[in-house]
Every structure is written in structure tokens, then in C-alpha cells.
Amino acid sequence: MRLYFGILVLFAGVALTQAAETIPPKPDRYFNDYAGVVSAEAAQRFNEQLAQFERETSNQIIVAIWRTMPSQSSIEDFTQRTFQAWQVGQKGRNNGAVFFVFVDDHRMRIQTGYGLEGALPDITCNEIIRDAVAPRFRAKDFEGGFAAGIDLIFKAIRGEYKGTGKTVRESGTSQNSSTAGLLVFFFVLIMILLAMRASRRRTVVAAGSDQGRQIRGGRDGQRRRAGDVRRGPARGESLFSAARDRSREHARRRTLGARSRRHGQERRSLCGFLYIFLRRLAEAEPDPTRPRELERVLEVAG
């Protein structure tokens, strides 16, 4: 009973949240710059281009720009509900699309109606945003970004622009497959080298300890068998042997310490080589849509 009550409360909370959000009213213009990122002349020019496109093709394209998204829900949910409320496109054909941009949130989305899903599928919309609009927005060229985005939307609807037909992950597979292979190869190689050196160090330490125990055990056994423990000269010989053993033990420890320091330097050199390789690889990679795993690796290595 409590479970059902909790589910009911959850759905009621979601419903109240969506009801509390106010959908912006449908604008009376095609290009609506509520954030003021382009000049009035550019806004008027874009508005006339969009109006002329509807006259020629009957497809209605609206651009809406805000500073932040006026909703606490996801961008997919907000743009979908806003698009449905605005009823963009001709009645019965649903041949409209809205280009939503939220400047300060660094988020944008092209929401299309059913009538344009064939010409403007999600994969094409994402390519337009990623390849034409986002790079110009990052350079603060908002007017150039909107001009390129609107032009590609027009071409896609007219059938002049199809895109590559691949997602970011699919297109990045062929471009970054060799890069990923090299990264994996060097990582595995370094791990193997480190494991081999650590194993060698443990083997040397164990062999030295066993040898020391065998030497001391053999000498003690000889003394016990010879009965030299009770004799004065044997005691002196025992002290001399103990001092010699300590000297050998100190020499062995110094050798192991030198080897440990050398191994540490080699490990640091390998890690430094890997970091330099990754850094140069990242600087040489011109694709702005490369996976962020490489950036995370560089941040950790730095």
C-alpha cells in the first residue's frame, strides 16, 4: 500500500511541476532573439529569409533564442512540449521546425514536426548544430552561426543537404580508431613493463633474503657441530663473521636501494613519455567532436 501511495505522490509531483512551468507564447515572428545576441538588422534579415522560405515551400521554420532555458525539465521535454503548444507548420501537415537556442546554457536543439522528419531527421539536425553552428558560437560569431544553421536547414528540407548519415560516435570510430588503438597499445605495454620490473625486484629481494638465511644457518650449524661456541677463538671468529655478514647485508641493501631508485626513474620516464605522447596527440587532433575520454586522461596525467 505504501508503495502504491509513493508512486502516486511521485506522479502527482511530476504533473504539478510540469503544470507549474509556463510554456512561452507562440511568437508572431520567425526569428525571435530574446537574448539580444545579433543586431536588429541581422534579425530582420533572418526573419525575412524564413518568411520567404515559407512562401516558397510552405514549410515554417522558427528560431527562438533565450539566455537560459525557462524550465527545470530536460531540453528534449521542454522543446517537445513547446513545439506542440505552438503548433508550428500548416494544419494537417505538421511541416514545421523550431530552432531552440539557450545561449548561457550552451544548449540548442532543432525540434521538427512529423511532416519534416524525413528531410530533417535527428541525425541531420545534430550534424547541423555540431558542424556549422556550434563552432561559430564558440567563436562568439552568433550571426554567422545562425546564418549557417538556417542555410543548412533550408538545404536539408529542399533535399540539397543530407549530411553524412552517421552519429558522432559512428563518425568518430573511423577517425579515432587508430588513435584508440595506439592508446591501448602503449597503455598495455607500459603496464607489462612495470609488472615485469616489479616482479624482478621481488625476486631479487627474496633471493637475497634466502641466501642470507642460508649463509647464517650454515655457519651456525657448523659452529654447533664443531662445538666452537664455548671456545674463546670461536667467539672471536663468530663476532668477525657477524660483522662480515652485517657488512654484506648493508651492501646488499645499498644495491637494492640503487635498483629501486633506478626503477622509479624508469617508471617516471615511461609515464612522462606517455603524457607527452597523449598531449601531442590531442594537439594534433583537429576534430572538435573527439571523445572526452582523451581530455580526462590528460587531466589525470597532468
C-alpha atoms as a PDB file:
ATOM      1  CA  MET A   1       0.000   0.000   0.000  1.00  0.00           C
ATOM      2  CA  ARG A   2       2.811   2.377   0.843  1.00  0.00           C
ATOM      3  CA  LEU A   3       4.495   1.584  -2.464  1.00  0.00           C
ATOM      4  CA  TYR A   4       1.399   2.497  -4.455  1.00  0.00           C
ATOM      5  CA  PHE A   5       0.995   5.663  -2.417  1.00  0.00           C
ATOM      6  CA  GLY A   6       4.617   6.645  -3.076  1.00  0.00           C
ATOM      7  CA  ILE A   7       4.224   6.090  -6.824  1.00  0.00           C
ATOM      8  CA  LEU A   8       1.050   8.187  -6.798  1.00  0.00           C
ATOM      9  CA  VAL A   9       2.822  11.005  -4.971  1.00  0.00           C
ATOM     10  CA  LEU A  10       5.720  10.836  -7.449  1.00  0.00           C
ATOM     11  CA  PHE A  11       3.463  11.106 -10.485  1.00  0.00           C
ATOM     12  CA  ALA A  12       1.493  13.890  -8.834  1.00  0.00           C
ATOM     13  CA  GLY A  13       4.730  15.802  -8.178  1.00  0.00           C
ATOM     14  CA  VAL A  14       5.817  15.439 -11.784  1.00  0.00           C
ATOM     15  CA  ALA A  15       2.417  16.575 -13.023  1.00  0.00           C
ATOM     16  CA  LEU A  16       2.421  19.602 -10.730  1.00  0.00           C
ATOM     17  CA  THR A  17       5.943  20.517 -11.812  1.00  0.00           C
ATOM     18  CA  GLN A  18       5.006  20.463 -15.488  1.00  0.00           C
ATOM     19  CA  ALA A  19       1.811  22.338 -14.786  1.00  0.00           C
ATOM     20  CA  ALA A  20       3.716  24.991 -12.855  1.00  0.00           C
ATOM     21  CA  GLU A  21       6.048  25.580 -15.822  1.00  0.00           C
ATOM     22  CA  THR A  22       4.714  28.176 -18.188  1.00  0.00           C
ATOM     23  CA  ILE A  23       5.133  27.473 -21.887  1.00  0.00           C
ATOM     24  CA  PRO A  24       6.230  30.664 -23.671  1.00  0.00           C
ATOM     25  CA  PRO A  25       3.568  32.044 -26.003  1.00  0.00           C
ATOM     26  CA  LYS A  26       3.982  31.422 -29.699  1.00  0.00           C
ATOM     27  CA  PRO A  27       5.911  34.319 -31.242  1.00  0.00           C
ATOM     28  CA  ASP A  28       4.500  36.352 -34.096  1.00  0.00           C
ATOM     29  CA  ARG A  29       7.846  36.490 -35.907  1.00  0.00           C
ATOM     30  CA  TYR A  30      10.040  33.863 -37.492  1.00  0.00           C
ATOM     31  CA  PHE A  31      13.322  34.978 -35.928  1.00  0.00           C
ATOM     32  CA  ASN A  32      12.976  35.796 -32.222  1.00  0.00           C
ATOM     33  CA  ASP A  33      16.114  36.981 -30.440  1.00  0.00           C
ATOM     34  CA  TYR A  34      15.063  37.313 -26.771  1.00  0.00           C
ATOM     35  CA  ALA A  35      18.738  37.228 -25.726  1.00  0.00           C
ATOM     36  CA  GLY A  36      19.904  40.092 -27.944  1.00  0.00           C
ATOM     37  CA  VAL A  37      22.885  38.234 -29.446  1.00  0.00           C
ATOM     38  CA  VAL A  38      22.524  39.580 -33.001  1.00  0.00           C
ATOM     39  CA  SER A  39      21.949  43.050 -34.350  1.00  0.00           C
ATOM     40  CA  ALA A  40      18.492  44.308 -35.264  1.00  0.00           C
ATOM     41  CA  GLU A  41      19.490  44.425 -38.942  1.00  0.00           C
ATOM     42  CA  ALA A  42      20.607  40.790 -38.885  1.00  0.00           C
ATOM     43  CA  ALA A  43      17.452  39.722 -37.034  1.00  0.00           C
ATOM     44  CA  GLN A  44      15.292  41.439 -39.643  1.00  0.00           C
ATOM     45  CA  ARG A  45      17.247  39.823 -42.469  1.00  0.00           C
ATOM     46  CA  PHE A  46      16.882  36.350 -40.936  1.00  0.00           C
ATOM     47  CA  ASN A  47      13.181  36.945 -40.344  1.00  0.00           C
ATOM     48  CA  GLU A  48      12.626  37.858 -43.998  1.00  0.00           C
ATOM     49  CA  GLN A  49      14.588  34.800 -45.171  1.00  0.00           C
ATOM     50  CA  LEU A  50      12.432  32.491 -43.051  1.00  0.00           C
ATOM     51  CA  ALA A  51       9.235  34.150 -44.227  1.00  0.00           C
ATOM     52  CA  GLN A  52      10.286  33.858 -47.887  1.00  0.00           C
ATOM     53  CA  PHE A  53      11.149  30.196 -47.346  1.00  0.00           C
ATOM     54  CA  GLU A  54       7.612  29.503 -46.110  1.00  0.00           C
ATOM     55  CA  ARG A  55       6.163  31.313 -49.127  1.00  0.00           C
ATOM     56  CA  GLU A  56       8.213  29.140 -51.473  1.00  0.00           C
ATOM     57  CA  THR A  57       7.934  25.738 -49.751  1.00  0.00           C
ATOM     58  CA  SER A  58       5.001  26.081 -47.286  1.00  0.00           C
ATOM     59  CA  ASN A  59       7.387  24.827 -44.540  1.00  0.00           C
ATOM     60  CA  GLN A  60       7.505  27.045 -41.474  1.00  0.00           C
ATOM     61  CA  ILE A  61      10.824  27.460 -39.628  1.00  0.00           C
ATOM     62  CA  ILE A  62      11.024  29.439 -36.383  1.00  0.00           C
ATOM     63  CA  VAL A  63      14.131  30.444 -34.463  1.00  0.00           C
ATOM     64  CA  ALA A  64      13.772  31.167 -30.727  1.00  0.00           C
ATOM     65  CA  ILE A  65      16.747  32.390 -28.665  1.00  0.00           C
ATOM     66  CA  TRP A  66      16.796  32.719 -24.872  1.00  0.00           C
ATOM     67  CA  ARG A  67      19.552  33.351 -22.391  1.00  0.00           C
ATOM     68  CA  THR A  68      18.569  30.329 -20.297  1.00  0.00           C
ATOM     69  CA  MET A  69      16.007  27.602 -20.688  1.00  0.00           C
ATOM     70  CA  PRO A  70      12.768  28.697 -18.917  1.00  0.00           C
ATOM     71  CA  SER A  71      12.192  25.240 -17.478  1.00  0.00           C
ATOM     72  CA  GLN A  72      13.616  22.782 -14.960  1.00  0.00           C
ATOM     73  CA  SER A  73      12.943  19.783 -17.209  1.00  0.00           C
ATOM     74  CA  SER A  74      15.248  18.373 -19.872  1.00  0.00           C
ATOM     75  CA  ILE A  75      15.780  20.240 -23.109  1.00  0.00           C
ATOM     76  CA  GLU A  76      14.122  17.397 -25.026  1.00  0.00           C
ATOM     77  CA  ASP A  77      10.981  17.575 -22.892  1.00  0.00           C
ATOM     78  CA  PHE A  78      10.768  21.380 -22.918  1.00  0.00           C
ATOM     79  CA  THR A  79      11.290  21.756 -26.673  1.00  0.00           C
ATOM     80  CA  GLN A  80       8.821  18.962 -27.438  1.00  0.00           C
ATOM     81  CA  ARG A  81       6.061  20.453 -25.260  1.00  0.00           C
ATOM     82  CA  THR A  82       6.735  23.977 -26.557  1.00  0.00           C
ATOM     83  CA  PHE A  83       6.663  22.779 -30.163  1.00  0.00           C
ATOM     84  CA  GLN A  84       3.345  21.023 -29.593  1.00  0.00           C
ATOM     85  CA  ALA A  85       1.874  24.107 -27.911  1.00  0.00           C
ATOM     86  CA  TRP A  86       2.982  26.431 -30.696  1.00  0.00           C
ATOM     87  CA  GLN A  87       1.614  24.148 -33.466  1.00  0.00           C
ATOM     88  CA  VAL A  88       4.291  25.176 -35.954  1.00  0.00           C
ATOM     89  CA  GLY A  89       3.595  24.395 -39.609  1.00  0.00           C
ATOM     90  CA  GLN A  90       0.475  24.110 -41.687  1.00  0.00           C
ATOM     91  CA  LYS A  91      -2.550  22.461 -40.143  1.00  0.00           C
ATOM     92  CA  GLY A  92      -2.814  18.821 -41.048  1.00  0.00           C
ATOM     93  CA  ARG A  93       0.709  18.685 -42.487  1.00  0.00           C
ATOM     94  CA  ASN A  94       2.784  19.399 -39.359  1.00  0.00           C
ATOM     95  CA  ASN A  95       5.550  20.646 -41.627  1.00  0.00           C
ATOM     96  CA  GLY A  96       7.291  22.995 -39.208  1.00  0.00           C
ATOM     97  CA  ALA A  97      10.512  23.133 -37.211  1.00  0.00           C
ATOM     98  CA  VAL A  98      11.807  25.275 -34.353  1.00  0.00           C
ATOM     99  CA  PHE A  99      15.462  26.020 -33.733  1.00  0.00           C
ATOM    100  CA  PHE A 100      15.764  26.479 -29.960  1.00  0.00           C
ATOM    101  CA  VAL A 101      18.913  28.160 -28.601  1.00  0.00           C
ATOM    102  CA  PHE A 102      19.789  28.798 -24.935  1.00  0.00           C
ATOM    103  CA  VAL A 103      22.916  30.934 -25.025  1.00  0.00           C
ATOM    104  CA  ASP A 104      24.099  30.904 -21.404  1.00  0.00           C
ATOM    105  CA  ASP A 105      23.263  27.212 -21.003  1.00  0.00           C
ATOM    106  CA  HIS A 106      25.293  26.362 -24.145  1.00  0.00           C
ATOM    107  CA  ARG A 107      22.451  24.174 -25.338  1.00  0.00           C
ATOM    108  CA  MET A 108      20.445  24.098 -28.564  1.00  0.00           C
ATOM    109  CA  ARG A 109      18.065  21.791 -30.352  1.00  0.00           C
ATOM    110  CA  ILE A 110      16.139  21.631 -33.631  1.00  0.00           C
ATOM    111  CA  GLN A 111      12.647  20.284 -32.998  1.00  0.00           C
ATOM    112  CA  THR A 112      10.841  19.124 -36.123  1.00  0.00           C
ATOM    113  CA  GLY A 113       7.273  18.132 -36.878  1.00  0.00           C
ATOM    114  CA  TYR A 114       6.223  14.814 -38.366  1.00  0.00           C
ATOM    115  CA  GLY A 115       5.976  16.337 -41.813  1.00  0.00           C
ATOM    116  CA  LEU A 116       9.691  17.232 -41.858  1.00  0.00           C
ATOM    117  CA  GLU A 117      11.159  14.238 -40.057  1.00  0.00           C
ATOM    118  CA  GLY A 118      12.110  12.654 -43.374  1.00  0.00           C
ATOM    119  CA  ALA A 119      14.054  15.720 -44.534  1.00  0.00           C
ATOM    120  CA  LEU A 120      15.269  16.785 -41.084  1.00  0.00           C
ATOM    121  CA  PRO A 121      15.914  13.648 -39.007  1.00  0.00           C
ATOM    122  CA  ASP A 122      17.611  13.970 -35.647  1.00  0.00           C
ATOM    123  CA  ILE A 123      20.959  12.880 -37.057  1.00  0.00           C
ATOM    124  CA  THR A 124      20.913  15.683 -39.642  1.00  0.00           C
ATOM    125  CA  CYS A 125      19.820  18.265 -37.065  1.00  0.00           C
ATOM    126  CA  ASN A 126      22.650  17.219 -34.764  1.00  0.00           C
ATOM    127  CA  GLU A 127      25.164  17.496 -37.612  1.00  0.00           C
ATOM    128  CA  ILE A 128      23.974  20.991 -38.469  1.00  0.00           C
ATOM    129  CA  ILE A 129      24.358  22.108 -34.869  1.00  0.00           C
ATOM    130  CA  ARG A 130      27.664  20.348 -34.288  1.00  0.00           C
ATOM    131  CA  ASP A 131      29.462  21.178 -37.543  1.00  0.00           C
ATOM    132  CA  ALA A 132      28.028  24.531 -38.615  1.00  0.00           C
ATOM    133  CA  VAL A 133      26.522  26.340 -35.631  1.00  0.00           C
ATOM    134  CA  ALA A 134      28.470  25.322 -32.507  1.00  0.00           C
ATOM    135  CA  PRO A 135      31.972  26.209 -33.815  1.00  0.00           C
ATOM    136  CA  ARG A 136      30.833  29.724 -34.729  1.00  0.00           C
ATOM    137  CA  PHE A 137      29.028  30.164 -31.428  1.00  0.00           C
ATOM    138  CA  ARG A 138      32.204  29.209 -29.569  1.00  0.00           C
ATOM    139  CA  ALA A 139      33.997  31.944 -31.509  1.00  0.00           C
ATOM    140  CA  LYS A 140      31.227  34.407 -30.452  1.00  0.00           C
ATOM    141  CA  ASP A 141      30.092  34.691 -34.081  1.00  0.00           C
ATOM    142  CA  PHE A 142      26.368  34.296 -33.392  1.00  0.00           C
ATOM    143  CA  GLU A 143      25.288  35.964 -36.612  1.00  0.00           C
ATOM    144  CA  GLY A 144      27.479  33.630 -38.666  1.00  0.00           C
ATOM    145  CA  GLY A 145      26.265  30.623 -36.699  1.00  0.00           C
ATOM    146  CA  PHE A 146      22.596  31.397 -37.294  1.00  0.00           C
ATOM    147  CA  ALA A 147      23.254  32.172 -40.957  1.00  0.00           C
ATOM    148  CA  ALA A 148      24.989  28.826 -41.475  1.00  0.00           C
ATOM    149  CA  GLY A 149      22.386  26.906 -39.483  1.00  0.00           C
ATOM    150  CA  ILE A 150      19.397  28.425 -41.263  1.00  0.00           C
ATOM    151  CA  ASP A 151      21.021  27.892 -44.649  1.00  0.00           C
ATOM    152  CA  LEU A 152      21.648  24.194 -43.952  1.00  0.00           C
ATOM    153  CA  ILE A 153      18.109  23.723 -42.654  1.00  0.00           C
ATOM    154  CA  PHE A 154      16.805  25.173 -45.914  1.00  0.00           C
ATOM    155  CA  LYS A 155      19.072  22.917 -47.955  1.00  0.00           C
ATOM    156  CA  ALA A 156      18.129  19.823 -45.974  1.00  0.00           C
ATOM    157  CA  ILE A 157      14.421  20.432 -46.482  1.00  0.00           C
ATOM    158  CA  ARG A 158      14.971  21.074 -50.204  1.00  0.00           C
ATOM    159  CA  GLY A 159      16.983  17.870 -50.445  1.00  0.00           C
ATOM    160  CA  GLU A 160      20.285  19.643 -51.135  1.00  0.00           C
ATOM    161  CA  TYR A 161      21.900  18.659 -47.831  1.00  0.00           C
ATOM    162  CA  LYS A 162      21.794  15.127 -46.473  1.00  0.00           C
ATOM    163  CA  GLY A 163      24.692  15.113 -44.041  1.00  0.00           C
ATOM    164  CA  THR A 164      26.928  12.105 -43.548  1.00  0.00           C
ATOM    165  CA  GLY A 165      24.184   9.922 -42.120  1.00  0.00           C
ATOM    166  CA  LYS A 166      26.353   8.970 -39.154  1.00  0.00           C
ATOM    167  CA  THR A 167      26.215   9.840 -35.492  1.00  0.00           C
ATOM    168  CA  VAL A 168      29.124  11.436 -33.652  1.00  0.00           C
ATOM    169  CA  ARG A 169      30.162   8.051 -32.253  1.00  0.00           C
ATOM    170  CA  GLU A 170      29.908   6.367 -35.660  1.00  0.00           C
ATOM    171  CA  SER A 171      31.805   9.091 -37.485  1.00  0.00           C
ATOM    172  CA  GLY A 172      34.425   9.193 -34.742  1.00  0.00           C
ATOM    173  CA  THR A 173      35.006   5.439 -34.995  1.00  0.00           C
ATOM    174  CA  SER A 174      36.819   5.620 -38.325  1.00  0.00           C
ATOM    175  CA  GLN A 175      38.686   8.802 -37.441  1.00  0.00           C
ATOM    176  CA  ASN A 176      39.789   7.795 -33.980  1.00  0.00           C
ATOM    177  CA  SER A 177      40.168   4.033 -34.369  1.00  0.00           C
ATOM    178  CA  SER A 178      43.911   4.293 -34.960  1.00  0.00           C
ATOM    179  CA  THR A 179      44.224   6.761 -32.105  1.00  0.00           C
ATOM    180  CA  ALA A 180      42.370   4.495 -29.728  1.00  0.00           C
ATOM    181  CA  GLY A 181      44.446   1.527 -30.861  1.00  0.00           C
ATOM    182  CA  LEU A 182      47.697   3.370 -30.183  1.00  0.00           C
ATOM    183  CA  LEU A 183      46.498   4.476 -26.768  1.00  0.00           C
ATOM    184  CA  VAL A 184      45.527   0.953 -25.793  1.00  0.00           C
ATOM    185  CA  PHE A 185      48.811  -0.470 -27.125  1.00  0.00           C
ATOM    186  CA  PHE A 186      51.013   1.981 -25.206  1.00  0.00           C
ATOM    187  CA  PHE A 187      48.969   1.604 -22.040  1.00  0.00           C
ATOM    188  CA  VAL A 188      49.209  -2.202 -22.100  1.00  0.00           C
ATOM    189  CA  LEU A 189      52.918  -2.055 -22.941  1.00  0.00           C
ATOM    190  CA  ILE A 190      53.703   0.233 -20.017  1.00  0.00           C
ATOM    191  CA  MET A 191      51.654  -1.884 -17.631  1.00  0.00           C
ATOM    192  CA  ILE A 192      53.546  -5.008 -18.735  1.00  0.00           C
ATOM    193  CA  LEU A 193      56.923  -3.316 -18.284  1.00  0.00           C
ATOM    194  CA  LEU A 194      56.022  -2.070 -14.823  1.00  0.00           C
ATOM    195  CA  ALA A 195      54.735  -5.503 -13.801  1.00  0.00           C
ATOM    196  CA  MET A 196      57.916  -7.197 -15.076  1.00  0.00           C
ATOM    197  CA  ARG A 197      60.201  -4.830 -13.178  1.00  0.00           C
ATOM    198  CA  ALA A 198      58.160  -5.143 -10.012  1.00  0.00           C
ATOM    199  CA  SER A 199      58.324  -8.947 -10.291  1.00  0.00           C
ATOM    200  CA  ARG A 200      62.097  -8.829 -10.849  1.00  0.00           C
ATOM    201  CA  ARG A 201      62.545  -6.633  -7.802  1.00  0.00           C
ATOM    202  CA  ARG A 202      60.543  -9.006  -5.615  1.00  0.00           C
ATOM    203  CA  THR A 203      62.564 -11.939  -6.946  1.00  0.00           C
ATOM    204  CA  VAL A 204      65.893 -10.240  -6.162  1.00  0.00           C
ATOM    205  CA  VAL A 205      64.785  -9.323  -2.646  1.00  0.00           C
ATOM    206  CA  ALA A 206      63.533 -12.834  -1.951  1.00  0.00           C
ATOM    207  CA  ALA A 207      66.707 -14.420  -3.321  1.00  0.00           C
ATOM    208  CA  GLY A 208      68.905 -12.135  -1.239  1.00  0.00           C
ATOM    209  CA  SER A 209      66.962 -12.886   1.923  1.00  0.00           C
ATOM    210  CA  ASP A 210      67.075 -16.657   1.301  1.00  0.00           C
ATOM    211  CA  GLN A 211      70.784 -16.526   0.589  1.00  0.00           C
ATOM    212  CA  GLY A 212      71.474 -14.580   3.761  1.00  0.00           C
ATOM    213  CA  ARG A 213      69.451 -17.016   5.810  1.00  0.00           C
ATOM    214  CA  GLN A 214      71.252 -19.966   4.223  1.00  0.00           C
ATOM    215  CA  ILE A 215      74.687 -18.479   4.928  1.00  0.00           C
ATOM    216  CA  ARG A 216      73.873 -17.662   8.535  1.00  0.00           C
ATOM    217  CA  GLY A 217      72.163 -21.008   9.036  1.00  0.00           C
ATOM    218  CA  GLY A 218      75.093 -22.937   7.564  1.00  0.00           C
ATOM    219  CA  ARG A 219      77.632 -21.143   9.732  1.00  0.00           C
ATOM    220  CA  ASP A 220      75.610 -21.602  12.879  1.00  0.00           C
ATOM    221  CA  GLY A 221      75.241 -25.282  12.081  1.00  0.00           C
ATOM    222  CA  GLN A 222      78.975 -25.675  11.547  1.00  0.00           C
ATOM    223  CA  ARG A 223      79.707 -23.942  14.849  1.00  0.00           C
ATOM    224  CA  ARG A 224      77.256 -26.084  16.701  1.00  0.00           C
ATOM    225  CA  ARG A 225      78.662 -29.253  15.171  1.00  0.00           C
ATOM    226  CA  ALA A 226      82.270 -28.241  15.893  1.00  0.00           C
ATOM    227  CA  GLY A 227      81.454 -27.144  19.420  1.00  0.00           C
ATOM    228  CA  ASP A 228      83.175 -23.808  18.861  1.00  0.00           C
ATOM    229  CA  VAL A 229      80.591 -21.793  20.707  1.00  0.00           C
ATOM    230  CA  ARG A 230      82.254 -22.422  24.066  1.00  0.00           C
ATOM    231  CA  ARG A 231      85.756 -21.582  22.882  1.00  0.00           C
ATOM    232  CA  GLY A 232      87.293 -18.123  23.008  1.00  0.00           C
ATOM    233  CA  PRO A 233      88.765 -18.082  19.494  1.00  0.00           C
ATOM    234  CA  ALA A 234      85.432 -19.316  18.130  1.00  0.00           C
ATOM    235  CA  ARG A 235      83.669 -16.428  19.826  1.00  0.00           C
ATOM    236  CA  GLY A 236      86.046 -14.003  18.170  1.00  0.00           C
ATOM    237  CA  GLU A 237      85.535 -15.778  14.890  1.00  0.00           C
ATOM    238  CA  SER A 238      81.761 -15.566  15.457  1.00  0.00           C
ATOM    239  CA  LEU A 239      81.965 -11.822  16.044  1.00  0.00           C
ATOM    240  CA  PHE A 240      84.088 -11.403  12.956  1.00  0.00           C
ATOM    241  CA  SER A 241      81.629 -13.448  10.901  1.00  0.00           C
ATOM    242  CA  ALA A 242      78.663 -11.438  12.238  1.00  0.00           C
ATOM    243  CA  ALA A 243      80.379  -8.176  11.319  1.00  0.00           C
ATOM    244  CA  ARG A 244      81.121  -9.533   7.862  1.00  0.00           C
ATOM    245  CA  ASP A 245      77.504 -10.618   7.476  1.00  0.00           C
ATOM    246  CA  ARG A 246      76.284  -7.190   8.523  1.00  0.00           C
ATOM    247  CA  SER A 247      78.642  -5.580   6.006  1.00  0.00           C
ATOM    248  CA  ARG A 248      77.328  -7.832   3.264  1.00  0.00           C
ATOM    249  CA  GLU A 249      73.756  -7.099   4.324  1.00  0.00           C
ATOM    250  CA  HIS A 250      74.410  -3.333   4.172  1.00  0.00           C
ATOM    251  CA  ALA A 251      75.978  -3.720   0.729  1.00  0.00           C
ATOM    252  CA  ARG A 252      73.007  -5.772  -0.455  1.00  0.00           C
ATOM    253  CA  ARG A 253      70.575  -3.138   0.839  1.00  0.00           C
ATOM    254  CA  ARG A 254      72.503  -0.357  -0.876  1.00  0.00           C
ATOM    255  CA  THR A 255      72.364  -2.321  -4.129  1.00  0.00           C
ATOM    256  CA  LEU A 256      68.628  -2.882  -3.757  1.00  0.00           C
ATOM    257  CA  GLY A 257      68.094   0.798  -2.931  1.00  0.00           C
ATOM    258  CA  ALA A 258      70.015   1.853  -6.033  1.00  0.00           C
ATOM    259  CA  ARG A 259      67.963  -0.540  -8.138  1.00  0.00           C
ATOM    260  CA  SER A 260      64.742   0.751  -6.602  1.00  0.00           C
ATOM    261  CA  ARG A 261      65.715   4.342  -7.369  1.00  0.00           C
ATOM    262  CA  ARG A 262      66.640   3.389 -10.918  1.00  0.00           C
ATOM    263  CA  HIS A 263      63.320   1.585 -11.368  1.00  0.00           C
ATOM    264  CA  GLY A 264      61.472   4.634 -10.031  1.00  0.00           C
ATOM    265  CA  GLN A 265      63.279   6.868 -12.518  1.00  0.00           C
ATOM    266  CA  GLU A 266      62.396   4.490 -15.342  1.00  0.00           C
ATOM    267  CA  ARG A 267      58.749   4.455 -14.296  1.00  0.00           C
ATOM    268  CA  ARG A 268      58.678   8.243 -14.193  1.00  0.00           C
ATOM    269  CA  SER A 269      60.320   8.361 -17.608  1.00  0.00           C
ATOM    270  CA  LEU A 270      57.706   5.984 -19.049  1.00  0.00           C
ATOM    271  CA  CYS A 271      54.853   7.987 -17.523  1.00  0.00           C
ATOM    272  CA  GLY A 272      56.393  11.200 -18.839  1.00  0.00           C
ATOM    273  CA  PHE A 273      56.698   9.711 -22.307  1.00  0.00           C
ATOM    274  CA  LEU A 274      53.055   8.605 -22.210  1.00  0.00           C
ATOM    275  CA  TYR A 275      51.913  12.062 -21.088  1.00  0.00           C
ATOM    276  CA  ILE A 276      53.899  13.815 -23.844  1.00  0.00           C
ATOM    277  CA  PHE A 277      52.517  11.352 -26.406  1.00  0.00           C
ATOM    278  CA  LEU A 278      48.934  11.956 -25.301  1.00  0.00           C
ATOM    279  CA  ARG A 279      49.406  15.729 -25.230  1.00  0.00           C
ATOM    280  CA  ARG A 280      50.843  15.865 -28.740  1.00  0.00           C
ATOM    281  CA  LEU A 281      48.155  13.505 -29.967  1.00  0.00           C
ATOM    282  CA  ALA A 282      45.455  15.765 -28.520  1.00  0.00           C
ATOM    283  CA  GLU A 283      47.037  18.885 -30.017  1.00  0.00           C
ATOM    284  CA  ALA A 284      47.323  17.223 -33.406  1.00  0.00           C
ATOM    285  CA  GLU A 285      43.664  16.072 -33.369  1.00  0.00           C
ATOM    286  CA  PRO A 286      41.663  18.717 -35.293  1.00  0.00           C
ATOM    287  CA  ASP A 287      38.242  17.149 -34.751  1.00  0.00           C
ATOM    288  CA  PRO A 288      36.336  19.197 -32.111  1.00  0.00           C
ATOM    289  CA  THR A 289      33.926  16.320 -31.600  1.00  0.00           C
ATOM    290  CA  ARG A 290      36.545  13.836 -30.400  1.00  0.00           C
ATOM    291  CA  PRO A 291      35.546  11.820 -27.325  1.00  0.00           C
ATOM    292  CA  ARG A 292      36.304  13.480 -23.992  1.00  0.00           C
ATOM    293  CA  GLU A 293      37.985  10.403 -22.596  1.00  0.00           C
ATOM    294  CA  LEU A 294      41.274  11.683 -24.021  1.00  0.00           C
ATOM    295  CA  GLU A 295      40.822  15.024 -22.249  1.00  0.00           C
ATOM    296  CA  ARG A 296      40.094  13.234 -18.968  1.00  0.00           C
ATOM    297  CA  VAL A 297      43.219  11.133 -19.386  1.00  0.00           C
ATOM    298  CA  LEU A 298      45.280  14.269 -19.955  1.00  0.00           C
ATOM    299  CA  GLU A 299      43.770  15.964 -16.909  1.00  0.00           C
ATOM    300  CA  VAL A 300      44.608  12.964 -14.734  1.00  0.00           C
ATOM    301  CA  ALA A 301      48.117  12.654 -16.191  1.00  0.00           C
ATOM    302  CA  GLY A 302      48.733  16.371 -15.684  1.00  0.00           C
END
